[in-house]
Each structure stands twice: as C-alpha cells, then as structure tokens.
Amino acid sequence: TADAYATGLRRGQSEDRQSVAAVEERGRKWKLNPLAKWSAAEVDIYTRAHNVPVHPLYAKGYTSIGCQPCTVLPFDPNNPRSGRWQGKDKLECGIHIQAE
C-alpha cells in the first residue's frame, strides 16, 4: 500500500482551501498538495510549457472537475467551482475533509 497520495488542491480555488498545506499528515498516510501555492495562471503556464494532457471536459466548458456525481457545468462565471456539488450543502468530497 502507498504511504502518501498527491492531490491538485490549490489555495486559490476556494475560501475553504486558502489554508491548504503543501504536506499534511493523515493518520498513517501523507497527503501531498504540491500545487498548494500555485495560481490558476501558473498551472496553465506549466501545463502548456510541458504539454501536460488536460481533461477533455475543459474543452466543453467545465472549469472544475472531480468525480462524476459532483461535477456539472458551472453556473456562475465568476466562480469556477460553482459546478461542484450543485444543489448540495457541501464544498468538498470526503477525501479532502480532515477527520475529527
């Protein structure tokens, strides 16, 4: 089994993510957030410069992509994550919520 996993969480994605640490200890595992300090523009520059493949849903207007049940087209052009968890009283899936 793996001792660590990596995410693409960035502090600029939402108010709830502004304090995302680059490395978090999660019980016996480590959660790595290597893009925590990156802006959306920095991700875009890196992606283009290094020919990183992008998810095909971006070409269809999606601006934030997660699992199938929580990803729909955004409804607020000022909020890229407005298509996430639409109609639900939540902002994160279980993998990004610290267990109490």
PDB file of N, CA and C in Angstrom:
ATOM      1  N   THR A   1       0.829  -1.186   0.000  1.00  0.00           N
ATOM      2  CA  THR A   1       0.000   0.000   0.000  1.00  0.00           C
ATOM      3  C   THR A   1       0.873   1.249   0.000  1.00  0.00           C
ATOM      4  N   ALA A   2       0.317   2.319  -0.478  1.00  0.00           N
ATOM      5  CA  ALA A   2       1.045   3.583  -0.552  1.00  0.00           C
ATOM      6  C   ALA A   2       1.025   4.296   0.796  1.00  0.00           C
ATOM      7  N   ASP A   3       2.101   4.996   1.088  1.00  0.00           N
ATOM      8  CA  ASP A   3       2.190   5.765   2.319  1.00  0.00           C
ATOM      9  C   ASP A   3       1.794   7.223   2.113  1.00  0.00           C
ATOM     10  N   ALA A   4       1.598   7.617   0.844  1.00  0.00           N
ATOM     11  CA  ALA A   4       1.254   9.002   0.530  1.00  0.00           C
ATOM     12  C   ALA A   4       0.402   9.046  -0.731  1.00  0.00           C
ATOM     13  N   TYR A   5      -0.349  10.122  -0.866  1.00  0.00           N
ATOM     14  CA  TYR A   5      -1.088  10.362  -2.103  1.00  0.00           C
ATOM     15  C   TYR A   5      -1.032  11.851  -2.415  1.00  0.00           C
ATOM     16  N   ALA A   6      -1.112  12.185  -3.684  1.00  0.00           N
ATOM     17  CA  ALA A   6      -0.995  13.569  -4.121  1.00  0.00           C
ATOM     18  C   ALA A   6      -2.320  14.068  -4.669  1.00  0.00           C
ATOM     19  N   THR A   7      -2.572  15.354  -4.461  1.00  0.00           N
ATOM     20  CA  THR A   7      -3.775  16.000  -4.968  1.00  0.00           C
ATOM     21  C   THR A   7      -3.386  17.219  -5.800  1.00  0.00           C
ATOM     22  N   GLY A   8      -4.357  17.841  -6.401  1.00  0.00           N
ATOM     23  CA  GLY A   8      -4.140  19.078  -7.146  1.00  0.00           C
ATOM     24  C   GLY A   8      -4.758  20.276  -6.438  1.00  0.00           C
ATOM     25  N   LEU A   9      -4.981  20.168  -5.128  1.00  0.00           N
ATOM     26  CA  LEU A   9      -5.586  21.277  -4.386  1.00  0.00           C
ATOM     27  C   LEU A   9      -4.710  22.518  -4.453  1.00  0.00           C
ATOM     28  N   ARG A  10      -5.387  23.666  -4.653  1.00  0.00           N
ATOM     29  CA  ARG A  10      -4.693  24.955  -4.672  1.00  0.00           C
ATOM     30  C   ARG A  10      -5.408  25.923  -3.745  1.00  0.00           C
ATOM     31  N   ARG A  11      -4.659  26.764  -3.076  1.00  0.00           N
ATOM     32  CA  ARG A  11      -5.235  27.726  -2.129  1.00  0.00           C
ATOM     33  C   ARG A  11      -6.201  28.697  -2.791  1.00  0.00           C
ATOM     34  N   GLY A  12      -5.968  29.025  -4.037  1.00  0.00           N
ATOM     35  CA  GLY A  12      -6.813  29.991  -4.729  1.00  0.00           C
ATOM     36  C   GLY A  12      -8.120  29.428  -5.264  1.00  0.00           C
ATOM     37  N   GLN A  13      -8.370  28.159  -5.080  1.00  0.00           N
ATOM     38  CA  GLN A  13      -9.575  27.545  -5.635  1.00  0.00           C
ATOM     39  C   GLN A  13     -10.846  27.925  -4.888  1.00  0.00           C
ATOM     40  N   SER A  14     -10.756  28.136  -3.599  1.00  0.00           N
ATOM     41  CA  SER A  14     -11.946  28.489  -2.824  1.00  0.00           C
ATOM     42  C   SER A  14     -11.519  29.046  -1.480  1.00  0.00           C
ATOM     43  N   GLU A  15     -12.461  29.666  -0.812  1.00  0.00           N
ATOM     44  CA  GLU A  15     -12.193  30.220   0.520  1.00  0.00           C
ATOM     45  C   GLU A  15     -11.778  29.112   1.491  1.00  0.00           C
ATOM     46  N   ASP A  16     -12.430  27.963   1.392  1.00  0.00           N
ATOM     47  CA  ASP A  16     -12.116  26.841   2.278  1.00  0.00           C
ATOM     48  C   ASP A  16     -10.719  26.280   2.050  1.00  0.00           C
ATOM     49  N   ARG A  17     -10.147  26.518   0.899  1.00  0.00           N
ATOM     50  CA  ARG A  17      -8.832  25.950   0.582  1.00  0.00           C
ATOM     51  C   ARG A  17      -7.681  26.931   0.786  1.00  0.00           C
ATOM     52  N   GLN A  18      -7.945  28.114   1.284  1.00  0.00           N
ATOM     53  CA  GLN A  18      -6.895  29.123   1.430  1.00  0.00           C
ATOM     54  C   GLN A  18      -5.780  28.713   2.376  1.00  0.00           C
ATOM     55  N   SER A  19      -6.042  27.789   3.261  1.00  0.00           N
ATOM     56  CA  SER A  19      -5.007  27.375   4.216  1.00  0.00           C
ATOM     57  C   SER A  19      -4.445  25.982   3.908  1.00  0.00           C
ATOM     58  N   VAL A  20      -4.660  25.488   2.704  1.00  0.00           N
ATOM     59  CA  VAL A  20      -4.160  24.157   2.333  1.00  0.00           C
ATOM     60  C   VAL A  20      -2.641  24.121   2.497  1.00  0.00           C
ATOM     61  N   ALA A  21      -2.183  23.112   3.216  1.00  0.00           N
ATOM     62  CA  ALA A  21      -0.741  22.928   3.415  1.00  0.00           C
ATOM     63  C   ALA A  21      -0.160  22.115   2.265  1.00  0.00           C
ATOM     64  N   ALA A  22       1.110  22.292   1.992  1.00  0.00           N
ATOM     65  CA  ALA A  22       1.767  21.524   0.933  1.00  0.00           C
ATOM     66  C   ALA A  22       1.863  20.051   1.304  1.00  0.00           C
ATOM     67  N   VAL A  23       1.998  19.768   2.608  1.00  0.00           N
ATOM     68  CA  VAL A  23       2.080  18.391   3.109  1.00  0.00           C
ATOM     69  C   VAL A  23       1.211  18.291   4.356  1.00  0.00           C
ATOM     70  N   GLU A  24       0.375  17.256   4.401  1.00  0.00           N
ATOM     71  CA  GLU A  24      -0.485  17.030   5.560  1.00  0.00           C
ATOM     72  C   GLU A  24      -0.314  15.591   6.026  1.00  0.00           C
ATOM     73  N   GLU A  25      -0.254  15.410   7.332  1.00  0.00           N
ATOM     74  CA  GLU A  25      -0.208  14.059   7.874  1.00  0.00           C
ATOM     75  C   GLU A  25      -1.645  13.610   8.091  1.00  0.00           C
ATOM     76  N   ARG A  26      -1.991  12.468   7.524  1.00  0.00           N
ATOM     77  CA  ARG A  26      -3.336  11.917   7.626  1.00  0.00           C
ATOM     78  C   ARG A  26      -3.273  10.535   8.240  1.00  0.00           C
ATOM     79  N   GLY A  27      -3.216  10.471   9.552  1.00  0.00           N
ATOM     80  CA  GLY A  27      -3.090   9.178  10.214  1.00  0.00           C
ATOM     81  C   GLY A  27      -1.757   8.550   9.864  1.00  0.00           C
ATOM     82  N   ARG A  28      -1.805   7.420   9.187  1.00  0.00           N
ATOM     83  CA  ARG A  28      -0.570   6.730   8.785  1.00  0.00           C
ATOM     84  C   ARG A  28      -0.158   7.081   7.355  1.00  0.00           C
ATOM     85  N   LYS A  29      -0.839   8.022   6.757  1.00  0.00           N
ATOM     86  CA  LYS A  29      -0.532   8.406   5.381  1.00  0.00           C
ATOM     87  C   LYS A  29      -0.207   9.901   5.307  1.00  0.00           C
ATOM     88  N   TRP A  30       0.415  10.272   4.213  1.00  0.00           N
ATOM     89  CA  TRP A  30       0.736  11.669   3.946  1.00  0.00           C
ATOM     90  C   TRP A  30      -0.067  12.124   2.739  1.00  0.00           C
ATOM     91  N   LYS A  31      -0.679  13.279   2.854  1.00  0.00           N
ATOM     92  CA  LYS A  31      -1.413  13.892   1.750  1.00  0.00           C
ATOM     93  C   LYS A  31      -0.530  15.015   1.213  1.00  0.00           C
ATOM     94  N   LEU A  32      -0.139  14.904  -0.041  1.00  0.00           N
ATOM     95  CA  LEU A  32       0.751  15.877  -0.673  1.00  0.00           C
ATOM     96  C   LEU A  32      -0.059  16.784  -1.579  1.00  0.00           C
ATOM     97  N   ASN A  33       0.088  18.084  -1.403  1.00  0.00           N
ATOM     98  CA  ASN A  33      -0.603  19.085  -2.211  1.00  0.00           C
ATOM     99  C   ASN A  33       0.452  19.971  -2.875  1.00  0.00           C
ATOM    100  N   PRO A  34       1.172  19.433  -3.866  1.00  0.00           N
ATOM    101  CA  PRO A  34       2.312  20.169  -4.429  1.00  0.00           C
ATOM    102  C   PRO A  34       1.945  21.467  -5.140  1.00  0.00           C
ATOM    103  N   LEU A  35       0.687  21.636  -5.495  1.00  0.00           N
ATOM    104  CA  LEU A  35       0.265  22.856  -6.188  1.00  0.00           C
ATOM    105  C   LEU A  35      -0.372  23.863  -5.238  1.00  0.00           C
ATOM    106  N   ALA A  36      -0.299  23.632  -3.944  1.00  0.00           N
ATOM    107  CA  ALA A  36      -0.995  24.465  -2.961  1.00  0.00           C
ATOM    108  C   ALA A  36      -0.765  25.963  -3.179  1.00  0.00           C
ATOM    109  N   LYS A  37       0.450  26.366  -3.475  1.00  0.00           N
ATOM    110  CA  LYS A  37       0.763  27.794  -3.626  1.00  0.00           C
ATOM    111  C   LYS A  37       0.614  28.311  -5.054  1.00  0.00           C
ATOM    112  N   TRP A  38       0.300  27.436  -5.994  1.00  0.00           N
ATOM    113  CA  TRP A  38       0.221  27.839  -7.397  1.00  0.00           C
ATOM    114  C   TRP A  38      -1.095  28.557  -7.695  1.00  0.00           C
ATOM    115  N   SER A  39      -1.035  29.534  -8.587  1.00  0.00           N
ATOM    116  CA  SER A  39      -2.244  30.197  -9.086  1.00  0.00           C
ATOM    117  C   SER A  39      -2.761  29.421 -10.293  1.00  0.00           C
ATOM    118  N   ALA A  40      -3.976  29.716 -10.706  1.00  0.00           N
ATOM    119  CA  ALA A  40      -4.529  29.085 -11.906  1.00  0.00           C
ATOM    120  C   ALA A  40      -3.659  29.416 -13.115  1.00  0.00           C
ATOM    121  N   ALA A  41      -3.151  30.643 -13.174  1.00  0.00           N
ATOM    122  CA  ALA A  41      -2.289  31.055 -14.292  1.00  0.00           C
ATOM    123  C   ALA A  41      -0.991  30.249 -14.311  1.00  0.00           C
ATOM    124  N   GLU A  42      -0.411  29.991 -13.149  1.00  0.00           N
ATOM    125  CA  GLU A  42       0.824  29.201 -13.084  1.00  0.00           C
ATOM    126  C   GLU A  42       0.587  27.761 -13.539  1.00  0.00           C
ATOM    127  N   VAL A  43      -0.559  27.200 -13.163  1.00  0.00           N
ATOM    128  CA  VAL A  43      -0.898  25.847 -13.620  1.00  0.00           C
ATOM    129  C   VAL A  43      -1.028  25.837 -15.136  1.00  0.00           C
ATOM    130  N   ASP A  44      -1.705  26.837 -15.681  1.00  0.00           N
ATOM    131  CA  ASP A  44      -1.890  26.919 -17.131  1.00  0.00           C
ATOM    132  C   ASP A  44      -0.555  27.059 -17.861  1.00  0.00           C
ATOM    133  N   ILE A  45       0.320  27.919 -17.366  1.00  0.00           N
ATOM    134  CA  ILE A  45       1.641  28.119 -17.981  1.00  0.00           C
ATOM    135  C   ILE A  45       2.442  26.811 -17.960  1.00  0.00           C
ATOM    136  N   TYR A  46       2.462  26.148 -16.815  1.00  0.00           N
ATOM    137  CA  TYR A  46       3.203  24.889 -16.696  1.00  0.00           C
ATOM    138  C   TYR A  46       2.612  23.825 -17.632  1.00  0.00           C
ATOM    139  N   THR A  47       1.302  23.736 -17.650  1.00  0.00           N
ATOM    140  CA  THR A  47       0.611  22.745 -18.485  1.00  0.00           C
ATOM    141  C   THR A  47       0.982  22.923 -19.954  1.00  0.00           C
ATOM    142  N   ARG A  48       0.948  24.160 -20.409  1.00  0.00           N
ATOM    143  CA  ARG A  48       1.280  24.446 -21.820  1.00  0.00           C
ATOM    144  C   ARG A  48       2.762  24.208 -22.107  1.00  0.00           C
ATOM    145  N   ALA A  49       3.619  24.667 -21.202  1.00  0.00           N
ATOM    146  CA  ALA A  49       5.067  24.563 -21.417  1.00  0.00           C
ATOM    147  C   ALA A  49       5.544  23.116 -21.445  1.00  0.00           C
ATOM    148  N   HIS A  50       4.853  22.244 -20.710  1.00  0.00           N
ATOM    149  CA  HIS A  50       5.286  20.852 -20.597  1.00  0.00           C
ATOM    150  C   HIS A  50       4.343  19.864 -21.281  1.00  0.00           C
ATOM    151  N   ASN A  51       3.427  20.408 -22.094  1.00  0.00           N
ATOM    152  CA  ASN A  51       2.472  19.573 -22.848  1.00  0.00           C
ATOM    153  C   ASN A  51       1.748  18.555 -21.968  1.00  0.00           C
ATOM    154  N   VAL A  52       1.327  19.000 -20.795  1.00  0.00           N
ATOM    155  CA  VAL A  52       0.580  18.126 -19.883  1.00  0.00           C
ATOM    156  C   VAL A  52      -0.824  17.931 -20.452  1.00  0.00           C
ATOM    157  N   PRO A  53      -1.265  16.699 -20.594  1.00  0.00           N
ATOM    158  CA  PRO A  53      -2.624  16.476 -21.111  1.00  0.00           C
ATOM    159  C   PRO A  53      -3.664  17.048 -20.147  1.00  0.00           C
ATOM    160  N   VAL A  54      -4.725  17.603 -20.702  1.00  0.00           N
ATOM    161  CA  VAL A  54      -5.803  18.140 -19.879  1.00  0.00           C
ATOM    162  C   VAL A  54      -7.067  17.315 -20.094  1.00  0.00           C
ATOM    163  N   HIS A  55      -7.913  17.303 -19.101  1.00  0.00           N
ATOM    164  CA  HIS A  55      -9.155  16.540 -19.176  1.00  0.00           C
ATOM    165  C   HIS A  55     -10.018  17.096 -20.309  1.00  0.00           C
ATOM    166  N   PRO A  56     -10.621  16.239 -21.129  1.00  0.00           N
ATOM    167  CA  PRO A  56     -11.430  16.715 -22.254  1.00  0.00           C
ATOM    168  C   PRO A  56     -12.659  17.522 -21.849  1.00  0.00           C
ATOM    169  N   LEU A  57     -13.114  17.428 -20.613  1.00  0.00           N
ATOM    170  CA  LEU A  57     -14.275  18.227 -20.187  1.00  0.00           C
ATOM    171  C   LEU A  57     -13.967  19.721 -20.157  1.00  0.00           C
ATOM    172  N   TYR A  58     -12.691  20.096 -19.989  1.00  0.00           N
ATOM    173  CA  TYR A  58     -12.351  21.523 -20.019  1.00  0.00           C
ATOM    174  C   TYR A  58     -12.749  22.139 -21.362  1.00  0.00           C
ATOM    175  N   ALA A  59     -12.571  21.413 -22.449  1.00  0.00           N
ATOM    176  CA  ALA A  59     -12.934  21.905 -23.787  1.00  0.00           C
ATOM    177  C   ALA A  59     -14.443  22.070 -23.934  1.00  0.00           C
ATOM    178  N   LYS A  60     -15.214  21.427 -23.056  1.00  0.00           N
ATOM    179  CA  LYS A  60     -16.679  21.515 -23.110  1.00  0.00           C
ATOM    180  C   LYS A  60     -17.230  22.561 -22.145  1.00  0.00           C
ATOM    181  N   GLY A  61     -16.344  23.343 -21.513  1.00  0.00           N
ATOM    182  CA  GLY A  61     -16.786  24.426 -20.647  1.00  0.00           C
ATOM    183  C   GLY A  61     -16.727  24.155 -19.158  1.00  0.00           C
ATOM    184  N   TYR A  62     -16.327  22.965 -18.771  1.00  0.00           N
ATOM    185  CA  TYR A  62     -16.182  22.675 -17.348  1.00  0.00           C
ATOM    186  C   TYR A  62     -14.948  23.408 -16.837  1.00  0.00           C
ATOM    187  N   THR A  63     -15.019  23.937 -15.628  1.00  0.00           N
ATOM    188  CA  THR A  63     -13.888  24.677 -15.071  1.00  0.00           C
ATOM    189  C   THR A  63     -13.344  24.065 -13.790  1.00  0.00           C
ATOM    190  N   SER A  64     -14.020  23.052 -13.261  1.00  0.00           N
ATOM    191  CA  SER A  64     -13.569  22.330 -12.081  1.00  0.00           C
ATOM    192  C   SER A  64     -14.087  20.907 -12.211  1.00  0.00           C
ATOM    193  N   ILE A  65     -13.178  19.949 -12.198  1.00  0.00           N
ATOM    194  CA  ILE A  65     -13.560  18.565 -12.479  1.00  0.00           C
ATOM    195  C   ILE A  65     -13.198  17.686 -11.297  1.00  0.00           C
ATOM    196  N   GLY A  66     -14.180  16.917 -10.869  1.00  0.00           N
ATOM    197  CA  GLY A  66     -13.982  15.959  -9.791  1.00  0.00           C
ATOM    198  C   GLY A  66     -14.615  14.647 -10.196  1.00  0.00           C
ATOM    199  N   CYS A  67     -15.194  13.966  -9.247  1.00  0.00           N
ATOM    200  CA  CYS A  67     -15.854  12.703  -9.563  1.00  0.00           C
ATOM    201  C   CYS A  67     -17.163  12.974 -10.314  1.00  0.00           C
ATOM    202  N   GLN A  68     -17.678  11.975 -10.974  1.00  0.00           N
ATOM    203  CA  GLN A  68     -18.854  12.127 -11.827  1.00  0.00           C
ATOM    204  C   GLN A  68     -20.062  12.719 -11.109  1.00  0.00           C
ATOM    205  N   PRO A  69     -20.430  12.250  -9.916  1.00  0.00           N
ATOM    206  CA  PRO A  69     -21.640  12.800  -9.314  1.00  0.00           C
ATOM    207  C   PRO A  69     -21.529  14.252  -8.845  1.00  0.00           C
ATOM    208  N   CYS A  70     -20.305  14.764  -8.681  1.00  0.00           N
ATOM    209  CA  CYS A  70     -20.190  16.133  -8.159  1.00  0.00           C
ATOM    210  C   CYS A  70     -19.708  17.132  -9.206  1.00  0.00           C
ATOM    211  N   THR A  71     -19.696  16.760 -10.462  1.00  0.00           N
ATOM    212  CA  THR A  71     -19.172  17.652 -11.493  1.00  0.00           C
ATOM    213  C   THR A  71     -20.222  17.951 -12.550  1.00  0.00           C
ATOM    214  N   VAL A  72     -20.630  19.220 -12.626  1.00  0.00           N
ATOM    215  CA  VAL A  72     -21.536  19.687 -13.680  1.00  0.00           C
ATOM    216  C   VAL A  72     -20.972  20.999 -14.214  1.00  0.00           C
ATOM    217  N   LEU A  73     -21.532  21.473 -15.297  1.00  0.00           N
ATOM    218  CA  LEU A  73     -21.080  22.750 -15.847  1.00  0.00           C
ATOM    219  C   LEU A  73     -21.286  23.860 -14.822  1.00  0.00           C
ATOM    220  N   PRO A  74     -20.351  24.803 -14.726  1.00  0.00           N
ATOM    221  CA  PRO A  74     -20.504  25.893 -13.763  1.00  0.00           C
ATOM    222  C   PRO A  74     -21.677  26.801 -14.150  1.00  0.00           C
ATOM    223  N   PHE A  75     -22.338  27.350 -13.143  1.00  0.00           N
ATOM    224  CA  PHE A  75     -23.451  28.261 -13.407  1.00  0.00           C
ATOM    225  C   PHE A  75     -23.073  29.710 -13.137  1.00  0.00           C
ATOM    226  N   ASP A  76     -21.971  29.947 -12.414  1.00  0.00           N
ATOM    227  CA  ASP A  76     -21.516  31.292 -12.086  1.00  0.00           C
ATOM    228  C   ASP A  76     -20.175  31.534 -12.774  1.00  0.00           C
ATOM    229  N   PRO A  77     -20.136  32.429 -13.766  1.00  0.00           N
ATOM    230  CA  PRO A  77     -18.878  32.663 -14.494  1.00  0.00           C
ATOM    231  C   PRO A  77     -17.768  33.233 -13.613  1.00  0.00           C
ATOM    232  N   ASN A  78     -18.107  33.776 -12.452  1.00  0.00           N
ATOM    233  CA  ASN A  78     -17.107  34.324 -11.537  1.00  0.00           C
ATOM    234  C   ASN A  78     -16.599  33.296 -10.534  1.00  0.00           C
ATOM    235  N   ASN A  79     -17.172  32.098 -10.571  1.00  0.00           N
ATOM    236  CA  ASN A  79     -16.776  31.059  -9.635  1.00  0.00           C
ATOM    237  C   ASN A  79     -16.554  29.747 -10.384  1.00  0.00           C
ATOM    238  N   PRO A  80     -15.298  29.411 -10.699  1.00  0.00           N
ATOM    239  CA  PRO A  80     -15.015  28.190 -11.464  1.00  0.00           C
ATOM    240  C   PRO A  80     -15.511  26.915 -10.791  1.00  0.00           C
ATOM    241  N   ARG A  81     -15.657  26.936  -9.469  1.00  0.00           N
ATOM    242  CA  ARG A  81     -16.113  25.739  -8.755  1.00  0.00           C
ATOM    243  C   ARG A  81     -17.631  25.718  -8.548  1.00  0.00           C
ATOM    244  N   SER A  82     -18.361  26.614  -9.183  1.00  0.00           N
ATOM    245  CA  SER A  82     -19.814  26.666  -8.998  1.00  0.00           C
ATOM    246  C   SER A  82     -20.543  25.453  -9.563  1.00  0.00           C
ATOM    247  N   GLY A  83     -19.882  24.650 -10.347  1.00  0.00           N
ATOM    248  CA  GLY A  83     -20.499  23.432 -10.853  1.00  0.00           C
ATOM    249  C   GLY A  83     -20.258  22.223  -9.972  1.00  0.00           C
ATOM    250  N   ARG A  84     -19.620  22.415  -8.856  1.00  0.00           N
ATOM    251  CA  ARG A  84     -19.318  21.308  -7.944  1.00  0.00           C
ATOM    252  C   ARG A  84     -20.380  21.210  -6.877  1.00  0.00           C
ATOM    253  N   TRP A  85     -20.860  20.004  -6.635  1.00  0.00           N
ATOM    254  CA  TRP A  85     -21.830  19.695  -5.587  1.00  0.00           C
ATOM    255  C   TRP A  85     -23.068  20.570  -5.686  1.00  0.00           C
ATOM    256  N   GLN A  86     -23.472  20.870  -6.907  1.00  0.00           N
ATOM    257  CA  GLN A  86     -24.633  21.722  -7.129  1.00  0.00           C
ATOM    258  C   GLN A  86     -25.871  21.140  -6.447  1.00  0.00           C
ATOM    259  N   GLY A  87     -26.575  21.987  -5.697  1.00  0.00           N
ATOM    260  CA  GLY A  87     -27.776  21.568  -5.008  1.00  0.00           C
ATOM    261  C   GLY A  87     -27.528  20.861  -3.687  1.00  0.00           C
ATOM    262  N   LYS A  88     -26.279  20.761  -3.282  1.00  0.00           N
ATOM    263  CA  LYS A  88     -25.938  20.094  -2.023  1.00  0.00           C
ATOM    264  C   LYS A  88     -25.280  21.103  -1.087  1.00  0.00           C
ATOM    265  N   ASP A  89     -25.387  20.867   0.185  1.00  0.00           N
ATOM    266  CA  ASP A  89     -24.796  21.757   1.175  1.00  0.00           C
ATOM    267  C   ASP A  89     -23.396  21.269   1.543  1.00  0.00           C
ATOM    268  N   LYS A  90     -22.511  21.229   0.535  1.00  0.00           N
ATOM    269  CA  LYS A  90     -21.135  20.801   0.788  1.00  0.00           C
ATOM    270  C   LYS A  90     -20.226  21.396  -0.270  1.00  0.00           C
ATOM    271  N   LEU A  91     -18.960  21.458   0.045  1.00  0.00           N
ATOM    272  CA  LEU A  91     -17.979  22.038  -0.875  1.00  0.00           C
ATOM    273  C   LEU A  91     -16.853  21.076  -1.211  1.00  0.00           C
ATOM    274  N   GLU A  92     -16.708  20.009  -0.446  1.00  0.00           N
ATOM    275  CA  GLU A  92     -15.617  19.072  -0.644  1.00  0.00           C
ATOM    276  C   GLU A  92     -16.134  17.642  -0.586  1.00  0.00           C
ATOM    277  N   CYS A  93     -15.453  16.753  -1.304  1.00  0.00           N
ATOM    278  CA  CYS A  93     -15.768  15.333  -1.177  1.00  0.00           C
ATOM    279  C   CYS A  93     -15.029  14.810   0.058  1.00  0.00           C
ATOM    280  N   GLY A  94     -15.278  13.615   0.446  1.00  0.00           N
ATOM    281  CA  GLY A  94     -14.703  13.064   1.671  1.00  0.00           C
ATOM    282  C   GLY A  94     -13.193  13.005   1.719  1.00  0.00           C
ATOM    283  N   ILE A  95     -12.523  12.849   0.595  1.00  0.00           N
ATOM    284  CA  ILE A  95     -11.064  12.710   0.594  1.00  0.00           C
ATOM    285  C   ILE A  95     -10.350  13.988   1.038  1.00  0.00           C
ATOM    286  N   HIS A  96     -11.012  15.139   0.924  1.00  0.00           N
ATOM    287  CA  HIS A  96     -10.367  16.405   1.270  1.00  0.00           C
ATOM    288  C   HIS A  96     -10.815  16.973   2.613  1.00  0.00           C
ATOM    289  N   ILE A  97     -11.590  16.206   3.369  1.00  0.00           N
ATOM    290  CA  ILE A  97     -12.062  16.687   4.660  1.00  0.00           C
ATOM    291  C   ILE A  97     -11.264  15.993   5.750  1.00  0.00           C
ATOM    292  N   GLN A  98     -10.688  16.792   6.629  1.00  0.00           N
ATOM    293  CA  GLN A  98      -9.904  16.230   7.730  1.00  0.00           C
ATOM    294  C   GLN A  98     -10.823  15.543   8.716  1.00  0.00           C
ATOM    295  N   ALA A  99     -10.526  14.302   9.021  1.00  0.00           N
ATOM    296  CA  ALA A  99     -11.315  13.554  10.013  1.00  0.00           C
ATOM    297  C   ALA A  99     -11.069  14.138  11.388  1.00  0.00           C
ATOM    298  N   GLU A 100     -12.108  14.243  12.158  1.00  0.00           N
ATOM    299  CA  GLU A 100     -12.005  14.779  13.523  1.00  0.00           C
ATOM    300  C   GLU A 100     -11.488  13.741  14.471  1.00  0.00           C
TER     301      GLU A 100
END
